C-alpha atoms as a PDB file:
ATOM      1  CA  UNK A   1     -33.869 -22.039  10.487  1.00  0.00           C
ATOM      2  CA  UNK A   2     -33.852 -18.530  11.922  1.00  0.00           C
ATOM      3  CA  UNK A   3     -34.887 -15.360  10.103  1.00  0.00           C
ATOM      4  CA  UNK A   4     -33.506 -11.798  10.107  1.00  0.00           C
ATOM      5  CA  UNK A   5     -34.633  -9.734  13.139  1.00  0.00           C
ATOM      6  CA  UNK A   6     -35.393  -6.384  11.480  1.00  0.00           C
ATOM      7  CA  UNK A   7     -35.707  -4.529   8.174  1.00  0.00           C
ATOM      8  CA  UNK A   8     -31.997  -3.583   8.043  1.00  0.00           C
ATOM      9  CA  UNK A   9     -30.974  -7.220   8.482  1.00  0.00           C
ATOM     10  CA  UNK A  10     -33.500  -8.264   5.817  1.00  0.00           C
ATOM     11  CA  UNK A  11     -32.218  -5.637   3.341  1.00  0.00           C
ATOM     12  CA  UNK A  12     -28.620  -6.624   4.093  1.00  0.00           C
ATOM     13  CA  UNK A  13     -29.451 -10.293   3.576  1.00  0.00           C
ATOM     14  CA  UNK A  14     -31.270  -9.622   0.283  1.00  0.00           C
ATOM     15  CA  UNK A  15     -28.356  -7.626  -1.138  1.00  0.00           C
ATOM     16  CA  UNK A  16     -25.813 -10.119   0.242  1.00  0.00           C
ATOM     17  CA  UNK A  17     -27.547 -13.154  -1.298  1.00  0.00           C
ATOM     18  CA  UNK A  18     -27.656 -11.550  -4.757  1.00  0.00           C
ATOM     19  CA  UNK A  19     -23.860 -11.532  -4.735  1.00  0.00           C
ATOM     20  CA  UNK A  20     -23.686  -8.454  -6.948  1.00  0.00           C
ATOM     21  CA  UNK A  21     -22.417  -6.014  -4.313  1.00  0.00           C
ATOM     22  CA  UNK A  22     -19.467  -6.142  -1.926  1.00  0.00           C
ATOM     23  CA  UNK A  23     -19.926  -5.566   1.801  1.00  0.00           C
ATOM     24  CA  UNK A  24     -18.572  -2.041   1.311  1.00  0.00           C
ATOM     25  CA  UNK A  25     -21.109  -1.313  -1.447  1.00  0.00           C
ATOM     26  CA  UNK A  26     -23.957  -2.758   0.645  1.00  0.00           C
ATOM     27  CA  UNK A  27     -22.859  -0.562   3.540  1.00  0.00           C
ATOM     28  CA  UNK A  28     -22.902   2.534   1.342  1.00  0.00           C
ATOM     29  CA  UNK A  29     -26.387   1.617   0.119  1.00  0.00           C
ATOM     30  CA  UNK A  30     -27.736   1.142   3.657  1.00  0.00           C
ATOM     31  CA  UNK A  31     -25.746   3.859   5.414  1.00  0.00           C
ATOM     32  CA  UNK A  32     -23.586   1.415   7.391  1.00  0.00           C
ATOM     33  CA  UNK A  33     -19.877   0.610   7.404  1.00  0.00           C
ATOM     34  CA  UNK A  34     -18.371  -2.405   5.674  1.00  0.00           C
ATOM     35  CA  UNK A  35     -17.470  -3.875   9.075  1.00  0.00           C
ATOM     36  CA  UNK A  36     -21.050  -3.439  10.299  1.00  0.00           C
ATOM     37  CA  UNK A  37     -22.338  -5.374   7.266  1.00  0.00           C
ATOM     38  CA  UNK A  38     -19.803  -8.186   7.681  1.00  0.00           C
ATOM     39  CA  UNK A  39     -20.564  -8.398  11.410  1.00  0.00           C
ATOM     40  CA  UNK A  40     -24.312  -8.486  10.742  1.00  0.00           C
ATOM     41  CA  UNK A  41     -23.913 -11.303   8.203  1.00  0.00           C
ATOM     42  CA  UNK A  42     -21.694 -13.271  10.589  1.00  0.00           C
ATOM     43  CA  UNK A  43     -24.166 -12.897  13.475  1.00  0.00           C
ATOM     44  CA  UNK A  44     -27.022 -14.021  11.198  1.00  0.00           C
ATOM     45  CA  UNK A  45     -24.914 -17.021  10.127  1.00  0.00           C
ATOM     46  CA  UNK A  46     -24.332 -17.922  13.802  1.00  0.00           C
ATOM     47  CA  UNK A  47     -28.088 -17.750  14.471  1.00  0.00           C
ATOM     48  CA  UNK A  48     -28.649 -20.239  11.645  1.00  0.00           C
ATOM     49  CA  UNK A  49     -29.816 -17.871   8.896  1.00  0.00           C
ATOM     50  CA  UNK A  50     -28.845 -19.065   5.408  1.00  0.00           C
ATOM     51  CA  UNK A  51     -26.451 -16.340   4.192  1.00  0.00           C
ATOM     52  CA  UNK A  52     -25.043 -18.152   1.164  1.00  0.00           C
ATOM     53  CA  UNK A  53     -24.385 -16.000  -1.882  1.00  0.00           C
ATOM     54  CA  UNK A  54     -25.282 -16.662  -5.525  1.00  0.00           C
ATOM     55  CA  UNK A  55     -22.116 -18.473  -6.666  1.00  0.00           C
ATOM     56  CA  UNK A  56     -22.837 -17.975 -10.390  1.00  0.00           C
ATOM     57  CA  UNK A  57     -23.050 -14.206  -9.968  1.00  0.00           C
ATOM     58  CA  UNK A  58     -19.936 -14.204  -7.749  1.00  0.00           C
ATOM     59  CA  UNK A  59     -17.964 -16.168 -10.379  1.00  0.00           C
ATOM     60  CA  UNK A  60     -19.006 -13.747 -13.148  1.00  0.00           C
ATOM     61  CA  UNK A  61     -18.182 -10.757 -10.941  1.00  0.00           C
ATOM     62  CA  UNK A  62     -14.594 -11.949 -10.542  1.00  0.00           C
ATOM     63  CA  UNK A  63     -14.179 -12.071 -14.323  1.00  0.00           C
ATOM     64  CA  UNK A  64     -14.910  -8.373 -14.733  1.00  0.00           C
ATOM     65  CA  UNK A  65     -12.210  -7.060 -12.362  1.00  0.00           C
ATOM     66  CA  UNK A  66      -8.889  -7.437 -14.173  1.00  0.00           C
ATOM     67  CA  UNK A  67      -5.736  -6.428 -12.349  1.00  0.00           C
ATOM     68  CA  UNK A  68      -4.515  -3.098 -13.729  1.00  0.00           C
ATOM     69  CA  UNK A  69      -1.100  -3.111 -15.350  1.00  0.00           C
ATOM     70  CA  UNK A  70       1.573  -1.098 -13.557  1.00  0.00           C
ATOM     71  CA  UNK A  71       2.328   2.277 -15.097  1.00  0.00           C
ATOM     72  CA  UNK A  72       6.011   2.695 -15.965  1.00  0.00           C
ATOM     73  CA  UNK A  73       7.680   5.596 -14.191  1.00  0.00           C
ATOM     74  CA  UNK A  74       9.530   8.056 -16.385  1.00  0.00           C
ATOM     75  CA  UNK A  75      12.440   9.968 -14.879  1.00  0.00           C
ATOM     76  CA  UNK A  76      12.551  13.671 -15.590  1.00  0.00           C
ATOM     77  CA  UNK A  77      16.285  14.156 -15.662  1.00  0.00           C
ATOM     78  CA  UNK A  78      19.429  12.254 -16.498  1.00  0.00           C
ATOM     79  CA  UNK A  79      21.228  11.389 -13.214  1.00  0.00           C
ATOM     80  CA  UNK A  80      24.593  11.869 -14.901  1.00  0.00           C
ATOM     81  CA  UNK A  81      23.819  15.578 -15.166  1.00  0.00           C
ATOM     82  CA  UNK A  82      24.072  16.034 -11.381  1.00  0.00           C
ATOM     83  CA  UNK A  83      27.217  16.778  -9.445  1.00  0.00           C
ATOM     84  CA  UNK A  84      28.191  14.819  -6.349  1.00  0.00           C
ATOM     85  CA  UNK A  85      26.024  15.808  -3.402  1.00  0.00           C
ATOM     86  CA  UNK A  86      23.078  17.020  -5.454  1.00  0.00           C
ATOM     87  CA  UNK A  87      21.323  13.842  -6.611  1.00  0.00           C
ATOM     88  CA  UNK A  88      17.504  13.884  -6.139  1.00  0.00           C
ATOM     89  CA  UNK A  89      15.864  10.940  -4.389  1.00  0.00           C
ATOM     90  CA  UNK A  90      14.200   9.723  -7.609  1.00  0.00           C
ATOM     91  CA  UNK A  91      17.639   8.835  -9.024  1.00  0.00           C
ATOM     92  CA  UNK A  92      18.865   6.717  -6.113  1.00  0.00           C
ATOM     93  CA  UNK A  93      19.416   3.033  -6.775  1.00  0.00           C
ATOM     94  CA  UNK A  94      21.169   0.095  -5.102  1.00  0.00           C
ATOM     95  CA  UNK A  95      24.603   1.437  -6.076  1.00  0.00           C
ATOM     96  CA  UNK A  96      24.286   5.128  -5.118  1.00  0.00           C
ATOM     97  CA  UNK A  97      25.293   6.699  -1.806  1.00  0.00           C
ATOM     98  CA  UNK A  98      22.356   7.871   0.287  1.00  0.00           C
ATOM     99  CA  UNK A  99      24.219  10.398   2.440  1.00  0.00           C
ATOM    100  CA  UNK A 100      21.779  13.342   2.749  1.00  0.00           C
ATOM    101  CA  UNK A 101      22.630  16.982   2.143  1.00  0.00           C
ATOM    102  CA  UNK A 102      20.320  19.879   2.895  1.00  0.00           C
ATOM    103  CA  UNK A 103      17.355  20.464   5.127  1.00  0.00           C
ATOM    104  CA  UNK A 104      13.850  19.048   4.764  1.00  0.00           C
ATOM    105  CA  UNK A 105      12.424  22.392   5.872  1.00  0.00           C
ATOM    106  CA  UNK A 106      14.341  24.327   3.219  1.00  0.00           C
ATOM    107  CA  UNK A 107      12.767  25.117  -0.140  1.00  0.00           C
ATOM    108  CA  UNK A 108      15.472  23.182  -1.992  1.00  0.00           C
ATOM    109  CA  UNK A 109      14.840  20.073   0.128  1.00  0.00           C
ATOM    110  CA  UNK A 110      17.243  17.183   0.564  1.00  0.00           C
ATOM    111  CA  UNK A 111      19.621  15.845  -2.057  1.00  0.00           C
ATOM    112  CA  UNK A 112      21.961  12.889  -1.765  1.00  0.00           C
ATOM    113  CA  UNK A 113      25.638  12.180  -2.372  1.00  0.00           C
ATOM    114  CA  UNK A 114      24.981   9.792  -5.265  1.00  0.00           C
ATOM    115  CA  UNK A 115      28.570   8.474  -5.431  1.00  0.00           C
ATOM    116  CA  UNK A 116      29.090   4.730  -6.042  1.00  0.00           C
ATOM    117  CA  UNK A 117      28.665   2.619  -2.880  1.00  0.00           C
ATOM    118  CA  UNK A 118      31.333   0.276  -1.527  1.00  0.00           C
ATOM    119  CA  UNK A 119      29.272  -2.775  -2.534  1.00  0.00           C
ATOM    120  CA  UNK A 120      25.690  -3.642  -3.491  1.00  0.00           C
ATOM    121  CA  UNK A 121      23.397  -3.368  -0.505  1.00  0.00           C
ATOM    122  CA  UNK A 122      25.486  -0.750   1.308  1.00  0.00           C
ATOM    123  CA  UNK A 123      23.945   2.666   1.854  1.00  0.00           C
ATOM    124  CA  UNK A 124      27.063   4.847   1.633  1.00  0.00           C
ATOM    125  CA  UNK A 125      30.175   5.426  -0.424  1.00  0.00           C
ATOM    126  CA  UNK A 126      33.574   4.813   1.203  1.00  0.00           C
ATOM    127  CA  UNK A 127      33.877   8.393   2.515  1.00  0.00           C
ATOM    128  CA  UNK A 128      30.436   8.493   4.115  1.00  0.00           C
ATOM    129  CA  UNK A 129      30.685   4.917   5.389  1.00  0.00           C
ATOM    130  CA  UNK A 130      33.659   5.939   7.547  1.00  0.00           C
ATOM    131  CA  UNK A 131      31.656   8.912   8.894  1.00  0.00           C
ATOM    132  CA  UNK A 132      28.527   6.862   9.620  1.00  0.00           C
ATOM    133  CA  UNK A 133      30.174   3.792  11.185  1.00  0.00           C
ATOM    134  CA  UNK A 134      33.209   3.403  13.355  1.00  0.00           C
ATOM    135  CA  UNK A 135      34.800   0.359  14.939  1.00  0.00           C
ATOM    136  CA  UNK A 136      34.902  -0.083  18.713  1.00  0.00           C
ATOM    137  CA  UNK A 137      38.691   0.468  18.674  1.00  0.00           C
ATOM    138  CA  UNK A 138      38.154   4.051  17.393  1.00  0.00           C
ATOM    139  CA  UNK A 139      36.042   4.987  20.427  1.00  0.00           C
ATOM    140  CA  UNK A 140      37.990   7.026  22.918  1.00  0.00           C
END
């Protein structure tokens, strides 16, 4: 069984075996990157150093990291209050036309047509669909 080569490897191994810190946290503690820590542990493992972690601590650690619940998004305005061609991006859905109006460099920004699309999954209303797409027979 091989042993760590230097003090940094020994400190990394000690922190790694405790199982309390992630590779990123160990890296912050030792002034190294997460990838440097993972690489060091893998090289020690290849040399035959026992790099197993404390499984009891690791199991407890997983219990204390619940997945945060998503925060519901509240819309500022009622989309029905906008006229055609002035719908903000936050009010677009699968049934609204995405034909842009305006300039991204302008202070007012870009608004969208917002009319009802031809069918679900289409990007444009009937009027803008004919402008955006044309059949090969219309080419001249």
